[in-house]
N, C-alpha and C. Protein backbone atom coordinates (compact mmCIF):
# COMPACT_ATOMS: atom_id res chain seq x y z
N MET A 1 92.09 105.21 115.51
CA MET A 1 91.03 104.69 114.67
C MET A 1 90.91 103.17 114.86
N LYS A 2 89.71 102.72 114.70
CA LYS A 2 89.43 101.30 114.79
C LYS A 2 88.39 100.89 113.79
N ILE A 3 88.15 99.55 113.66
CA ILE A 3 87.11 99.09 112.80
C ILE A 3 86.03 98.37 113.65
N LEU A 4 84.86 98.86 113.46
CA LEU A 4 83.68 98.11 114.04
C LEU A 4 83.16 97.18 113.03
N LYS A 5 83.16 95.88 113.33
CA LYS A 5 82.68 94.87 112.39
C LYS A 5 81.37 94.29 112.99
N PHE A 6 80.30 94.67 112.37
CA PHE A 6 79.01 94.15 112.72
C PHE A 6 78.71 92.86 112.02
N TYR A 7 78.25 91.92 112.85
CA TYR A 7 77.96 90.56 112.35
C TYR A 7 76.86 89.97 113.09
N ALA A 8 76.44 88.71 112.65
CA ALA A 8 75.50 87.88 113.41
C ALA A 8 75.96 86.40 113.28
N ASP A 9 75.76 85.57 114.22
CA ASP A 9 76.19 84.22 114.19
C ASP A 9 75.57 83.47 113.07
N TRP A 10 74.35 83.80 112.69
CA TRP A 10 73.61 83.08 111.61
C TRP A 10 73.98 83.56 110.15
N CYS A 11 74.81 84.56 110.12
CA CYS A 11 75.12 85.25 108.87
C CYS A 11 76.23 84.56 108.05
N GLY A 12 75.92 83.88 106.93
CA GLY A 12 76.92 83.28 106.16
C GLY A 12 78.03 84.15 105.66
N PRO A 13 77.63 85.35 105.00
CA PRO A 13 78.68 86.21 104.51
C PRO A 13 79.55 86.83 105.63
N CYS A 14 78.96 86.92 106.88
CA CYS A 14 79.83 87.31 107.99
C CYS A 14 80.95 86.41 108.30
N LYS A 15 80.60 85.02 108.26
CA LYS A 15 81.58 84.03 108.45
C LYS A 15 82.65 83.99 107.46
N MET A 16 82.23 84.20 106.14
CA MET A 16 83.27 84.28 105.03
C MET A 16 84.17 85.47 105.22
N LEU A 17 83.63 86.64 105.65
CA LEU A 17 84.42 87.85 105.89
C LEU A 17 85.35 87.62 107.07
N SER A 18 84.92 86.93 108.04
CA SER A 18 85.82 86.67 109.26
C SER A 18 87.01 85.90 108.77
N LYS A 19 86.76 84.84 107.98
CA LYS A 19 87.92 83.98 107.45
C LYS A 19 88.82 84.86 106.60
N THR A 20 88.31 85.68 105.78
CA THR A 20 89.17 86.56 104.94
C THR A 20 89.99 87.53 105.85
N ILE A 21 89.37 88.09 106.82
CA ILE A 21 90.19 88.98 107.70
C ILE A 21 91.13 88.25 108.52
N GLU A 22 90.88 87.05 108.91
CA GLU A 22 91.85 86.27 109.60
C GLU A 22 93.11 85.99 108.81
N SER A 23 92.83 85.75 107.52
CA SER A 23 93.98 85.45 106.59
C SER A 23 94.91 86.63 106.32
N ILE A 24 94.38 87.83 106.58
CA ILE A 24 95.27 89.00 106.30
C ILE A 24 95.38 89.95 107.49
N LYS A 25 95.04 89.44 108.68
CA LYS A 25 94.93 90.30 109.82
C LYS A 25 96.23 91.18 110.10
N GLU A 26 97.49 90.60 109.69
CA GLU A 26 98.68 91.27 109.86
C GLU A 26 98.81 92.52 109.06
N GLU A 27 98.01 92.57 107.97
CA GLU A 27 98.11 93.72 107.07
C GLU A 27 97.07 94.80 107.32
N ILE A 28 96.24 94.56 108.36
CA ILE A 28 95.19 95.52 108.71
C ILE A 28 95.78 96.38 109.82
N PRO A 29 95.79 97.78 109.52
CA PRO A 29 96.48 98.65 110.50
C PRO A 29 95.68 99.14 111.71
N PHE A 30 94.45 98.56 111.82
CA PHE A 30 93.54 99.05 112.82
C PHE A 30 93.08 97.86 113.68
N GLU A 31 92.73 98.16 114.98
CA GLU A 31 92.09 97.16 115.81
C GLU A 31 90.72 96.92 115.28
N ILE A 32 90.29 95.63 115.35
CA ILE A 32 88.90 95.38 114.87
C ILE A 32 88.07 94.98 116.05
N GLU A 33 86.99 95.65 116.30
CA GLU A 33 86.13 95.34 117.38
C GLU A 33 84.88 94.60 116.82
N GLU A 34 84.69 93.38 117.16
CA GLU A 34 83.54 92.64 116.56
C GLU A 34 82.29 92.96 117.44
N VAL A 35 81.22 93.22 116.74
CA VAL A 35 79.96 93.60 117.35
C VAL A 35 78.84 92.72 116.89
N ASP A 36 78.33 91.77 117.78
CA ASP A 36 77.20 91.07 117.35
C ASP A 36 75.96 91.86 117.35
N ALA A 37 75.42 92.13 116.20
CA ALA A 37 74.30 92.96 116.01
C ALA A 37 73.06 92.51 116.80
N ASP A 38 72.91 91.22 116.90
CA ASP A 38 71.76 90.64 117.58
C ASP A 38 71.84 90.82 119.14
N ASN A 39 73.10 90.82 119.65
CA ASN A 39 73.31 90.94 121.11
C ASN A 39 73.54 92.47 121.47
N ASN A 40 73.74 93.30 120.45
CA ASN A 40 74.02 94.75 120.76
C ASN A 40 73.15 95.65 119.90
N PRO A 41 71.87 95.49 120.12
CA PRO A 41 70.90 96.22 119.22
C PRO A 41 71.08 97.77 119.37
N ASP A 42 71.40 98.22 120.55
CA ASP A 42 71.60 99.68 120.70
C ASP A 42 72.73 100.21 119.91
N MET A 43 73.87 99.52 119.80
CA MET A 43 74.95 99.87 119.08
C MET A 43 74.71 99.80 117.59
N ALA A 44 73.94 98.75 117.18
CA ALA A 44 73.50 98.56 115.77
C ALA A 44 72.69 99.69 115.37
N LYS A 45 71.82 100.17 116.22
CA LYS A 45 70.88 101.27 115.97
C LYS A 45 71.76 102.59 115.87
N LYS A 46 72.60 102.73 116.82
CA LYS A 46 73.44 104.00 116.78
C LYS A 46 74.17 104.14 115.59
N TYR A 47 74.62 103.03 114.90
CA TYR A 47 75.39 103.14 113.64
C TYR A 47 74.56 102.85 112.47
N ASN A 48 73.26 102.82 112.62
CA ASN A 48 72.28 102.63 111.50
C ASN A 48 72.67 101.43 110.58
N ILE A 49 72.84 100.24 111.29
CA ILE A 49 73.20 99.09 110.63
C ILE A 49 71.84 98.48 109.96
N ARG A 50 71.94 98.34 108.56
CA ARG A 50 70.78 97.81 107.84
C ARG A 50 71.07 96.51 107.21
N GLY A 51 72.36 96.08 107.16
CA GLY A 51 72.76 94.88 106.51
C GLY A 51 74.00 94.26 107.18
N LEU A 52 74.25 93.02 107.01
CA LEU A 52 75.38 92.37 107.63
C LEU A 52 76.14 91.53 106.56
N PRO A 53 77.38 91.46 106.68
CA PRO A 53 78.25 92.17 107.65
C PRO A 53 78.46 93.66 107.23
N THR A 54 78.71 94.50 108.23
CA THR A 54 79.00 95.87 107.92
C THR A 54 80.24 96.24 108.71
N MET A 55 81.21 96.82 107.99
CA MET A 55 82.45 97.23 108.66
C MET A 55 82.50 98.75 108.59
N ILE A 56 82.83 99.41 109.74
CA ILE A 56 82.95 100.94 109.80
C ILE A 56 84.20 101.25 110.39
N ILE A 57 84.93 102.07 109.78
CA ILE A 57 86.16 102.59 110.31
C ILE A 57 85.70 103.90 111.13
N VAL A 58 86.07 103.95 112.36
CA VAL A 58 85.72 105.16 113.21
C VAL A 58 87.00 105.71 113.74
N ASP A 59 87.00 107.03 113.95
CA ASP A 59 87.99 107.78 114.60
C ASP A 59 87.27 108.38 115.73
N GLY A 60 87.49 107.78 116.86
CA GLY A 60 86.68 108.15 118.16
C GLY A 60 85.26 107.72 117.96
N GLU A 61 84.32 108.65 117.86
CA GLU A 61 82.90 108.47 117.66
C GLU A 61 82.58 108.77 116.16
N THR A 62 83.45 109.35 115.35
CA THR A 62 83.23 109.75 114.07
C THR A 62 83.43 108.66 113.01
N GLU A 63 82.37 108.41 112.22
CA GLU A 63 82.55 107.50 111.09
C GLU A 63 83.39 108.05 110.00
N VAL A 64 84.36 107.32 109.58
CA VAL A 64 85.26 107.70 108.52
C VAL A 64 84.91 106.94 107.18
N LYS A 65 84.58 105.65 107.28
CA LYS A 65 84.31 104.91 106.04
C LYS A 65 83.46 103.68 106.49
N ARG A 66 82.60 103.27 105.49
CA ARG A 66 81.68 102.18 105.75
C ARG A 66 81.61 101.22 104.52
N HIS A 67 81.43 100.00 104.84
CA HIS A 67 81.13 98.97 103.76
C HIS A 67 80.24 97.93 104.24
N THR A 68 79.21 97.62 103.47
CA THR A 68 78.32 96.53 103.83
C THR A 68 78.38 95.44 102.86
N GLY A 69 78.50 94.20 103.34
CA GLY A 69 78.58 93.02 102.44
C GLY A 69 79.94 92.32 102.62
N ASN A 70 80.01 91.23 102.06
CA ASN A 70 81.27 90.46 102.09
C ASN A 70 82.35 91.12 101.15
N MET A 71 83.59 90.91 101.46
CA MET A 71 84.69 91.41 100.70
C MET A 71 85.81 90.42 100.47
N THR A 72 86.53 90.55 99.39
CA THR A 72 87.71 89.74 99.15
C THR A 72 88.78 90.31 100.00
N ALA A 73 89.95 89.59 100.01
CA ALA A 73 91.11 90.06 100.82
C ALA A 73 91.51 91.41 100.18
N ASP A 74 91.58 91.49 98.83
CA ASP A 74 92.04 92.77 98.22
C ASP A 74 91.07 93.95 98.53
N GLN A 75 89.73 93.60 98.61
CA GLN A 75 88.74 94.69 98.80
C GLN A 75 89.02 95.13 100.30
N VAL A 76 89.29 94.20 101.19
CA VAL A 76 89.41 94.58 102.66
C VAL A 76 90.66 95.50 102.74
N LYS A 77 91.79 95.14 102.00
CA LYS A 77 92.97 95.93 102.08
C LYS A 77 92.72 97.31 101.52
N GLU A 78 91.96 97.40 100.45
CA GLU A 78 91.64 98.75 99.86
C GLU A 78 90.76 99.52 100.86
N PHE A 79 89.84 98.88 101.49
CA PHE A 79 88.93 99.51 102.46
C PHE A 79 89.69 100.06 103.63
N VAL A 80 90.65 99.38 104.22
CA VAL A 80 91.41 99.92 105.35
C VAL A 80 92.48 100.90 104.96
N ASN A 81 92.62 101.19 103.67
CA ASN A 81 93.67 102.14 103.19
C ASN A 81 92.99 103.48 103.12
N VAL A 82 92.73 104.11 104.35
CA VAL A 82 91.95 105.27 104.38
C VAL A 82 92.70 106.46 103.79
């Protein structure tokens, strides 16, 4: 399983989420694949991205869990606790 983190360079909440994730990255049990939604429109369409940031836990190609919007460190920890 891994996390797809959809973001855009112009997105303020995306930058805040990145800082939060950086501060707790040792506690996140999955690889995080960062996907720039502006530069990867096909992938954003495939996963039906409607807002940023969006984090999706996937198992292969299957979506397991999704969250759209910024999160606190505690919320990220809870999110990755599948």
